[in-house]
Amino acid sequence: MPTIRKSHGKQLKFKAALALLNGEKTLAEVSSEYGVHQSILKRWKKTLQEEGPCLFEDQRKKKPSQDGAGDLQRKIGQLVMENDFLKKALGQ
């Protein structure tokens, strides 16, 4: 008989990991309350600790990297035009 895997939503993962981080309840208590195995809770807690600061990053910092692609495309266009001009000047 195949094992059925549970799928937990983002809200449940966040609440369970946050309850574990608060330290008001033990790992066993949080595990029984949310119906999730202790090893899964440890993984969620670790993920929250590592990736939590990324939630508050300034999203505007990501846009300049997209503008960099536009600058590169402009530069490529300029170089293609210069190359074509030089080919015509040399008679090729």
PDB file of N, CA and C in Angstrom:
ATOM      1  N   MET A   1       0.839  -1.178   0.000  1.00  0.00           N
ATOM      2  CA  MET A   1       0.000   0.000   0.000  1.00  0.00           C
ATOM      3  C   MET A   1       0.887   1.245   0.000  1.00  0.00           C
ATOM      4  N   PRO A   2       0.691   2.154  -0.964  1.00  0.00           N
ATOM      5  CA  PRO A   2       1.546   3.345  -1.051  1.00  0.00           C
ATOM      6  C   PRO A   2       1.283   4.324   0.090  1.00  0.00           C
ATOM      7  N   THR A   3       2.335   5.045   0.441  1.00  0.00           N
ATOM      8  CA  THR A   3       2.226   6.039   1.501  1.00  0.00           C
ATOM      9  C   THR A   3       1.675   7.334   0.918  1.00  0.00           C
ATOM     10  N   ILE A   4       0.692   7.884   1.578  1.00  0.00           N
ATOM     11  CA  ILE A   4       0.099   9.142   1.131  1.00  0.00           C
ATOM     12  C   ILE A   4       0.817  10.283   1.835  1.00  0.00           C
ATOM     13  N   ARG A   5       1.356  11.211   1.041  1.00  0.00           N
ATOM     14  CA  ARG A   5       2.085  12.349   1.602  1.00  0.00           C
ATOM     15  C   ARG A   5       1.123  13.513   1.787  1.00  0.00           C
ATOM     16  N   LYS A   6       1.237  14.157   2.912  1.00  0.00           N
ATOM     17  CA  LYS A   6       0.403  15.316   3.183  1.00  0.00           C
ATOM     18  C   LYS A   6       1.027  16.549   2.547  1.00  0.00           C
ATOM     19  N   SER A   7       0.168  17.441   2.128  1.00  0.00           N
ATOM     20  CA  SER A   7       0.625  18.710   1.584  1.00  0.00           C
ATOM     21  C   SER A   7       0.182  19.809   2.535  1.00  0.00           C
ATOM     22  N   HIS A   8       1.140  20.531   3.075  1.00  0.00           N
ATOM     23  CA  HIS A   8       0.829  21.575   4.043  1.00  0.00           C
ATOM     24  C   HIS A   8       0.948  22.936   3.374  1.00  0.00           C
ATOM     25  N   GLY A   9       0.012  23.815   3.704  1.00  0.00           N
ATOM     26  CA  GLY A   9       0.016  25.149   3.123  1.00  0.00           C
ATOM     27  C   GLY A   9       1.063  26.054   3.758  1.00  0.00           C
ATOM     28  N   LYS A  10       1.294  27.180   3.107  1.00  0.00           N
ATOM     29  CA  LYS A  10       2.282  28.144   3.580  1.00  0.00           C
ATOM     30  C   LYS A  10       1.927  28.678   4.961  1.00  0.00           C
ATOM     31  N   GLN A  11       0.644  28.948   5.163  1.00  0.00           N
ATOM     32  CA  GLN A  11       0.204  29.517   6.434  1.00  0.00           C
ATOM     33  C   GLN A  11       0.471  28.560   7.592  1.00  0.00           C
ATOM     34  N   LEU A  12       0.169  27.286   7.398  1.00  0.00           N
ATOM     35  CA  LEU A  12       0.386  26.295   8.443  1.00  0.00           C
ATOM     36  C   LEU A  12       1.872  26.166   8.749  1.00  0.00           C
ATOM     37  N   LYS A  13       2.702  26.126   7.694  1.00  0.00           N
ATOM     38  CA  LYS A  13       4.144  26.013   7.890  1.00  0.00           C
ATOM     39  C   LYS A  13       4.669  27.202   8.679  1.00  0.00           C
ATOM     40  N   PHE A  14       4.230  28.388   8.298  1.00  0.00           N
ATOM     41  CA  PHE A  14       4.693  29.601   8.961  1.00  0.00           C
ATOM     42  C   PHE A  14       4.252  29.635  10.422  1.00  0.00           C
ATOM     43  N   LYS A  15       2.993  29.330  10.670  1.00  0.00           N
ATOM     44  CA  LYS A  15       2.480  29.353  12.050  1.00  0.00           C
ATOM     45  C   LYS A  15       3.185  28.333  12.934  1.00  0.00           C
ATOM     46  N   ALA A  16       3.381  27.139  12.401  1.00  0.00           N
ATOM     47  CA  ALA A  16       4.026  26.086  13.180  1.00  0.00           C
ATOM     48  C   ALA A  16       5.483  26.443  13.473  1.00  0.00           C
ATOM     49  N   ALA A  17       6.201  26.947  12.466  1.00  0.00           N
ATOM     50  CA  ALA A  17       7.607  27.320  12.663  1.00  0.00           C
ATOM     51  C   ALA A  17       7.720  28.494  13.616  1.00  0.00           C
ATOM     52  N   LEU A  18       6.791  29.429  13.525  1.00  0.00           N
ATOM     53  CA  LEU A  18       6.802  30.587  14.415  1.00  0.00           C
ATOM     54  C   LEU A  18       6.490  30.175  15.844  1.00  0.00           C
ATOM     55  N   ALA A  19       5.554  29.247  16.021  1.00  0.00           N
ATOM     56  CA  ALA A  19       5.240  28.746  17.357  1.00  0.00           C
ATOM     57  C   ALA A  19       6.459  28.053  17.963  1.00  0.00           C
ATOM     58  N   LEU A  20       7.197  27.364  17.138  1.00  0.00           N
ATOM     59  CA  LEU A  20       8.402  26.682  17.607  1.00  0.00           C
ATOM     60  C   LEU A  20       9.502  27.687  17.944  1.00  0.00           C
ATOM     61  N   LEU A  21       9.615  28.745  17.157  1.00  0.00           N
ATOM     62  CA  LEU A  21      10.623  29.777  17.406  1.00  0.00           C
ATOM     63  C   LEU A  21      10.334  30.570  18.673  1.00  0.00           C
ATOM     64  N   ASN A  22       9.057  30.773  18.968  1.00  0.00           N
ATOM     65  CA  ASN A  22       8.688  31.535  20.166  1.00  0.00           C
ATOM     66  C   ASN A  22       9.179  30.866  21.435  1.00  0.00           C
ATOM     67  N   GLY A  23       9.245  29.556  21.416  1.00  0.00           N
ATOM     68  CA  GLY A  23       9.754  28.813  22.564  1.00  0.00           C
ATOM     69  C   GLY A  23       8.750  28.642  23.683  1.00  0.00           C
ATOM     70  N   GLU A  24       7.523  29.040  23.476  1.00  0.00           N
ATOM     71  CA  GLU A  24       6.498  28.885  24.511  1.00  0.00           C
ATOM     72  C   GLU A  24       6.047  27.430  24.641  1.00  0.00           C
ATOM     73  N   LYS A  25       6.154  26.701  23.524  1.00  0.00           N
ATOM     74  CA  LYS A  25       5.756  25.296  23.508  1.00  0.00           C
ATOM     75  C   LYS A  25       6.946  24.456  23.095  1.00  0.00           C
ATOM     76  N   THR A  26       6.941  23.220  23.536  1.00  0.00           N
ATOM     77  CA  THR A  26       8.018  22.305  23.156  1.00  0.00           C
ATOM     78  C   THR A  26       7.769  21.774  21.751  1.00  0.00           C
ATOM     79  N   LEU A  27       8.779  21.135  21.220  1.00  0.00           N
ATOM     80  CA  LEU A  27       8.685  20.555  19.886  1.00  0.00           C
ATOM     81  C   LEU A  27       7.564  19.515  19.823  1.00  0.00           C
ATOM     82  N   ALA A  28       7.455  18.724  20.863  1.00  0.00           N
ATOM     83  CA  ALA A  28       6.421  17.686  20.904  1.00  0.00           C
ATOM     84  C   ALA A  28       5.021  18.298  20.939  1.00  0.00           C
ATOM     85  N   GLU A  29       4.859  19.369  21.688  1.00  0.00           N
ATOM     86  CA  GLU A  29       3.552  20.025  21.780  1.00  0.00           C
ATOM     87  C   GLU A  29       3.141  20.623  20.440  1.00  0.00           C
ATOM     88  N   VAL A  30       4.071  21.294  19.775  1.00  0.00           N
ATOM     89  CA  VAL A  30       3.771  21.889  18.473  1.00  0.00           C
ATOM     90  C   VAL A  30       3.485  20.793  17.453  1.00  0.00           C
ATOM     91  N   SER A  31       4.229  19.702  17.529  1.00  0.00           N
ATOM     92  CA  SER A  31       4.029  18.583  16.622  1.00  0.00           C
ATOM     93  C   SER A  31       2.631  17.987  16.764  1.00  0.00           C
ATOM     94  N   SER A  32       2.199  17.781  17.971  1.00  0.00           N
ATOM     95  CA  SER A  32       0.864  17.207  18.173  1.00  0.00           C
ATOM     96  C   SER A  32      -0.237  18.209  17.837  1.00  0.00           C
ATOM     97  N   GLU A  33       0.008  19.484  18.097  1.00  0.00           N
ATOM     98  CA  GLU A  33      -1.004  20.515  17.821  1.00  0.00           C
ATOM     99  C   GLU A  33      -1.274  20.650  16.325  1.00  0.00           C
ATOM    100  N   TYR A  34      -0.209  20.644  15.529  1.00  0.00           N
ATOM    101  CA  TYR A  34      -0.363  20.836  14.082  1.00  0.00           C
ATOM    102  C   TYR A  34      -0.399  19.534  13.297  1.00  0.00           C
ATOM    103  N   GLY A  35      -0.146  18.410  13.953  1.00  0.00           N
ATOM    104  CA  GLY A  35      -0.189  17.119  13.276  1.00  0.00           C
ATOM    105  C   GLY A  35       0.936  16.932  12.274  1.00  0.00           C
ATOM    106  N   VAL A  36       2.109  17.447  12.627  1.00  0.00           N
ATOM    107  CA  VAL A  36       3.267  17.387  11.737  1.00  0.00           C
ATOM    108  C   VAL A  36       4.402  16.716  12.493  1.00  0.00           C
ATOM    109  N   HIS A  37       5.185  15.904  11.783  1.00  0.00           N
ATOM    110  CA  HIS A  37       6.300  15.209  12.418  1.00  0.00           C
ATOM    111  C   HIS A  37       7.351  16.207  12.877  1.00  0.00           C
ATOM    112  N   GLN A  38       8.064  15.840  13.932  1.00  0.00           N
ATOM    113  CA  GLN A  38       9.046  16.735  14.538  1.00  0.00           C
ATOM    114  C   GLN A  38      10.192  17.091  13.585  1.00  0.00           C
ATOM    115  N   SER A  39      10.617  16.148  12.764  1.00  0.00           N
ATOM    116  CA  SER A  39      11.718  16.441  11.829  1.00  0.00           C
ATOM    117  C   SER A  39      11.286  17.478  10.791  1.00  0.00           C
ATOM    118  N   ILE A  40      10.023  17.420  10.388  1.00  0.00           N
ATOM    119  CA  ILE A  40       9.499  18.403   9.436  1.00  0.00           C
ATOM    120  C   ILE A  40       9.480  19.785  10.092  1.00  0.00           C
ATOM    121  N   LEU A  41       9.051  19.831  11.344  1.00  0.00           N
ATOM    122  CA  LEU A  41       9.009  21.105  12.070  1.00  0.00           C
ATOM    123  C   LEU A  41      10.403  21.708  12.210  1.00  0.00           C
ATOM    124  N   LYS A  42      11.383  20.870  12.472  1.00  0.00           N
ATOM    125  CA  LYS A  42      12.758  21.367  12.580  1.00  0.00           C
ATOM    126  C   LYS A  42      13.217  21.974  11.260  1.00  0.00           C
ATOM    127  N   ARG A  43      12.863  21.343  10.160  1.00  0.00           N
ATOM    128  CA  ARG A  43      13.233  21.851   8.841  1.00  0.00           C
ATOM    129  C   ARG A  43      12.556  23.188   8.562  1.00  0.00           C
ATOM    130  N   TRP A  44      11.261  23.299   8.901  1.00  0.00           N
ATOM    131  CA  TRP A  44      10.536  24.547   8.698  1.00  0.00           C
ATOM    132  C   TRP A  44      11.127  25.669   9.549  1.00  0.00           C
ATOM    133  N   LYS A  45      11.493  25.331  10.777  1.00  0.00           N
ATOM    134  CA  LYS A  45      12.091  26.322  11.669  1.00  0.00           C
ATOM    135  C   LYS A  45      13.419  26.822  11.095  1.00  0.00           C
ATOM    136  N   LYS A  46      14.228  25.899  10.608  1.00  0.00           N
ATOM    137  CA  LYS A  46      15.522  26.259  10.037  1.00  0.00           C
ATOM    138  C   LYS A  46      15.328  27.143   8.801  1.00  0.00           C
ATOM    139  N   THR A  47      14.370  26.792   7.967  1.00  0.00           N
ATOM    140  CA  THR A  47      14.083  27.580   6.777  1.00  0.00           C
ATOM    141  C   THR A  47      13.630  28.983   7.143  1.00  0.00           C
ATOM    142  N   LEU A  48      12.784  29.088   8.141  1.00  0.00           N
ATOM    143  CA  LEU A  48      12.305  30.395   8.584  1.00  0.00           C
ATOM    144  C   LEU A  48      13.450  31.236   9.127  1.00  0.00           C
ATOM    145  N   GLN A  49      14.342  30.625   9.876  1.00  0.00           N
ATOM    146  CA  GLN A  49      15.476  31.363  10.426  1.00  0.00           C
ATOM    147  C   GLN A  49      16.428  31.835   9.330  1.00  0.00           C
ATOM    148  N   GLU A  50      16.648  31.011   8.318  1.00  0.00           N
ATOM    149  CA  GLU A  50      17.597  31.348   7.267  1.00  0.00           C
ATOM    150  C   GLU A  50      17.016  32.313   6.241  1.00  0.00           C
ATOM    151  N   GLU A  51      15.772  32.105   5.863  1.00  0.00           N
ATOM    152  CA  GLU A  51      15.183  32.892   4.785  1.00  0.00           C
ATOM    153  C   GLU A  51      14.255  33.992   5.274  1.00  0.00           C
ATOM    154  N   GLY A  52      14.040  34.084   6.562  1.00  0.00           N
ATOM    155  CA  GLY A  52      13.163  35.114   7.102  1.00  0.00           C
ATOM    156  C   GLY A  52      13.600  36.529   6.766  1.00  0.00           C
ATOM    157  N   PRO A  53      14.889  36.848   6.884  1.00  0.00           N
ATOM    158  CA  PRO A  53      15.318  38.211   6.550  1.00  0.00           C
ATOM    159  C   PRO A  53      15.070  38.590   5.092  1.00  0.00           C
ATOM    160  N   CYS A  54      14.994  37.617   4.207  1.00  0.00           N
ATOM    161  CA  CYS A  54      14.748  37.900   2.790  1.00  0.00           C
ATOM    162  C   CYS A  54      13.340  38.455   2.558  1.00  0.00           C
ATOM    163  N   LEU A  55      12.442  38.191   3.493  1.00  0.00           N
ATOM    164  CA  LEU A  55      11.073  38.682   3.344  1.00  0.00           C
ATOM    165  C   LEU A  55      11.007  40.199   3.367  1.00  0.00           C
ATOM    166  N   PHE A  56      11.968  40.828   4.029  1.00  0.00           N
ATOM    167  CA  PHE A  56      11.923  42.268   4.211  1.00  0.00           C
ATOM    168  C   PHE A  56      12.939  43.011   3.357  1.00  0.00           C
ATOM    169  N   GLU A  57      13.492  42.351   2.347  1.00  0.00           N
ATOM    170  CA  GLU A  57      14.436  43.013   1.454  1.00  0.00           C
ATOM    171  C   GLU A  57      13.706  44.056   0.623  1.00  0.00           C
ATOM    172  N   ASP A  58      14.422  45.078   0.250  1.00  0.00           N
ATOM    173  CA  ASP A  58      13.866  46.125  -0.581  1.00  0.00           C
ATOM    174  C   ASP A  58      13.732  45.594  -2.008  1.00  0.00           C
ATOM    175  N   GLN A  59      12.519  45.528  -2.492  1.00  0.00           N
ATOM    176  CA  GLN A  59      12.268  44.964  -3.817  1.00  0.00           C
ATOM    177  C   GLN A  59      12.780  45.868  -4.930  1.00  0.00           C
ATOM    178  N   ARG A  60      13.022  47.140  -4.647  1.00  0.00           N
ATOM    179  CA  ARG A  60      13.490  48.071  -5.674  1.00  0.00           C
ATOM    180  C   ARG A  60      14.917  47.766  -6.092  1.00  0.00           C
ATOM    181  N   LYS A  61      15.667  47.056  -5.281  1.00  0.00           N
ATOM    182  CA  LYS A  61      17.051  46.739  -5.606  1.00  0.00           C
ATOM    183  C   LYS A  61      17.147  45.754  -6.763  1.00  0.00           C
ATOM    184  N   LYS A  62      16.102  44.997  -7.015  1.00  0.00           N
ATOM    185  CA  LYS A  62      16.131  43.995  -8.061  1.00  0.00           C
ATOM    186  C   LYS A  62      15.963  44.609  -9.449  1.00  0.00           C
ATOM    187  N   LYS A  63      15.351  45.764  -9.565  1.00  0.00           N
ATOM    188  CA  LYS A  63      15.079  46.371 -10.855  1.00  0.00           C
ATOM    189  C   LYS A  63      16.331  46.803 -11.610  1.00  0.00           C
ATOM    190  N   PRO A  64      17.360  47.359 -10.970  1.00  0.00           N
ATOM    191  CA  PRO A  64      18.540  47.757 -11.745  1.00  0.00           C
ATOM    192  C   PRO A  64      19.179  46.614 -12.516  1.00  0.00           C
ATOM    193  N   SER A  65      19.087  45.401 -12.024  1.00  0.00           N
ATOM    194  CA  SER A  65      19.656  44.274 -12.754  1.00  0.00           C
ATOM    195  C   SER A  65      18.917  44.068 -14.069  1.00  0.00           C
ATOM    196  N   GLN A  66      17.611  44.355 -14.091  1.00  0.00           N
ATOM    197  CA  GLN A  66      16.852  44.255 -15.330  1.00  0.00           C
ATOM    198  C   GLN A  66      17.241  45.385 -16.272  1.00  0.00           C
ATOM    199  N   ASP A  67      17.534  46.570 -15.740  1.00  0.00           N
ATOM    200  CA  ASP A  67      17.951  47.688 -16.565  1.00  0.00           C
ATOM    201  C   ASP A  67      19.316  47.418 -17.167  1.00  0.00           C
ATOM    202  N   GLY A  68      20.139  46.647 -16.501  1.00  0.00           N
ATOM    203  CA  GLY A  68      21.449  46.284 -17.017  1.00  0.00           C
ATOM    204  C   GLY A  68      21.327  45.525 -18.328  1.00  0.00           C
ATOM    205  N   ALA A  69      20.280  44.734 -18.480  1.00  0.00           N
ATOM    206  CA  ALA A  69      20.058  43.997 -19.721  1.00  0.00           C
ATOM    207  C   ALA A  69      19.762  44.973 -20.850  1.00  0.00           C
ATOM    208  N   GLY A  70      19.018  46.028 -20.575  1.00  0.00           N
ATOM    209  CA  GLY A  70      18.736  47.043 -21.583  1.00  0.00           C
ATOM    210  C   GLY A  70      19.999  47.761 -22.018  1.00  0.00           C
ATOM    211  N   ASP A  71      20.879  48.047 -21.065  1.00  0.00           N
ATOM    212  CA  ASP A  71      22.153  48.691 -21.393  1.00  0.00           C
ATOM    213  C   ASP A  71      23.001  47.798 -22.288  1.00  0.00           C
ATOM    214  N   LEU A  72      23.009  46.517 -21.992  1.00  0.00           N
ATOM    215  CA  LEU A  72      23.780  45.578 -22.806  1.00  0.00           C
ATOM    216  C   LEU A  72      23.223  45.484 -24.221  1.00  0.00           C
ATOM    217  N   GLN A  73      21.918  45.478 -24.339  1.00  0.00           N
ATOM    218  CA  GLN A  73      21.310  45.410 -25.668  1.00  0.00           C
ATOM    219  C   GLN A  73      21.620  46.665 -26.472  1.00  0.00           C
ATOM    220  N   ARG A  74      21.610  47.809 -25.811  1.00  0.00           N
ATOM    221  CA  ARG A  74      21.956  49.063 -26.475  1.00  0.00           C
ATOM    222  C   ARG A  74      23.407  49.033 -26.965  1.00  0.00           C
ATOM    223  N   LYS A  75      24.282  48.538 -26.127  1.00  0.00           N
ATOM    224  CA  LYS A  75      25.703  48.454 -26.473  1.00  0.00           C
ATOM    225  C   LYS A  75      25.915  47.503 -27.649  1.00  0.00           C
ATOM    226  N   ILE A  76      25.220  46.383 -27.655  1.00  0.00           N
ATOM    227  CA  ILE A  76      25.319  45.429 -28.764  1.00  0.00           C
ATOM    228  C   ILE A  76      24.859  46.088 -30.061  1.00  0.00           C
ATOM    229  N   GLY A  77      23.753  46.800 -29.996  1.00  0.00           N
ATOM    230  CA  GLY A  77      23.262  47.502 -31.184  1.00  0.00           C
ATOM    231  C   GLY A  77      24.266  48.511 -31.708  1.00  0.00           C
ATOM    232  N   GLN A  78      24.879  49.248 -30.807  1.00  0.00           N
ATOM    233  CA  GLN A  78      25.885  50.232 -31.198  1.00  0.00           C
ATOM    234  C   GLN A  78      27.076  49.546 -31.865  1.00  0.00           C
ATOM    235  N   LEU A  79      27.545  48.450 -31.287  1.00  0.00           N
ATOM    236  CA  LEU A  79      28.686  47.738 -31.854  1.00  0.00           C
ATOM    237  C   LEU A  79      28.365  47.131 -33.216  1.00  0.00           C
ATOM    238  N   VAL A  80      27.150  46.642 -33.401  1.00  0.00           N
ATOM    239  CA  VAL A  80      26.744  46.096 -34.693  1.00  0.00           C
ATOM    240  C   VAL A  80      26.756  47.194 -35.752  1.00  0.00           C
ATOM    241  N   MET A  81      26.249  48.377 -35.391  1.00  0.00           N
ATOM    242  CA  MET A  81      26.244  49.495 -36.343  1.00  0.00           C
ATOM    243  C   MET A  81      27.668  49.907 -36.707  1.00  0.00           C
ATOM    244  N   GLU A  82      28.552  49.983 -35.721  1.00  0.00           N
ATOM    245  CA  GLU A  82      29.939  50.347 -35.983  1.00  0.00           C
ATOM    246  C   GLU A  82      30.614  49.299 -36.867  1.00  0.00           C
ATOM    247  N   ASN A  83      30.328  48.034 -36.606  1.00  0.00           N
ATOM    248  CA  ASN A  83      30.896  46.944 -37.392  1.00  0.00           C
ATOM    249  C   ASN A  83      30.437  47.043 -38.852  1.00  0.00           C
ATOM    250  N   ASP A  84      29.134  47.284 -39.056  1.00  0.00           N
ATOM    251  CA  ASP A  84      28.607  47.429 -40.414  1.00  0.00           C
ATOM    252  C   ASP A  84      29.252  48.619 -41.120  1.00  0.00           C
ATOM    253  N   PHE A  85      29.410  49.719 -40.417  1.00  0.00           N
ATOM    254  CA  PHE A  85      30.026  50.913 -41.001  1.00  0.00           C
ATOM    255  C   PHE A  85      31.461  50.633 -41.435  1.00  0.00           C
ATOM    256  N   LEU A  86      32.205  49.964 -40.582  1.00  0.00           N
ATOM    257  CA  LEU A  86      33.597  49.650 -40.912  1.00  0.00           C
ATOM    258  C   LEU A  86      33.705  48.682 -42.078  1.00  0.00           C
ATOM    259  N   LYS A  87      32.774  47.720 -42.166  1.00  0.00           N
ATOM    260  CA  LYS A  87      32.781  46.785 -43.288  1.00  0.00           C
ATOM    261  C   LYS A  87      32.548  47.529 -44.598  1.00  0.00           C
ATOM    262  N   LYS A  88      31.608  48.477 -44.596  1.00  0.00           N
ATOM    263  CA  LYS A  88      31.343  49.266 -45.801  1.00  0.00           C
ATOM    264  C   LYS A  88      32.526  50.141 -46.147  1.00  0.00           C
ATOM    265  N   ALA A  89      33.178  50.717 -45.133  1.00  0.00           N
ATOM    266  CA  ALA A  89      34.337  51.595 -45.368  1.00  0.00           C
ATOM    267  C   ALA A  89      35.490  50.827 -45.981  1.00  0.00           C
ATOM    268  N   LEU A  90      35.651  49.586 -45.599  1.00  0.00           N
ATOM    269  CA  LEU A  90      36.746  48.772 -46.126  1.00  0.00           C
ATOM    270  C   LEU A  90      36.383  48.099 -47.452  1.00  0.00           C
ATOM    271  N   GLY A  91      35.126  48.215 -47.834  1.00  0.00           N
ATOM    272  CA  GLY A  91      34.696  47.636 -49.108  1.00  0.00           C
ATOM    273  C   GLY A  91      34.376  46.171 -49.059  1.00  0.00           C
ATOM    274  N   GLN A  92      34.029  45.665 -47.956  1.00  0.00           N
ATOM    275  CA  GLN A  92      33.697  44.245 -47.838  1.00  0.00           C
ATOM    276  C   GLN A  92      32.215  44.016 -47.992  1.00  0.00           C
TER     277      GLN A  92
END
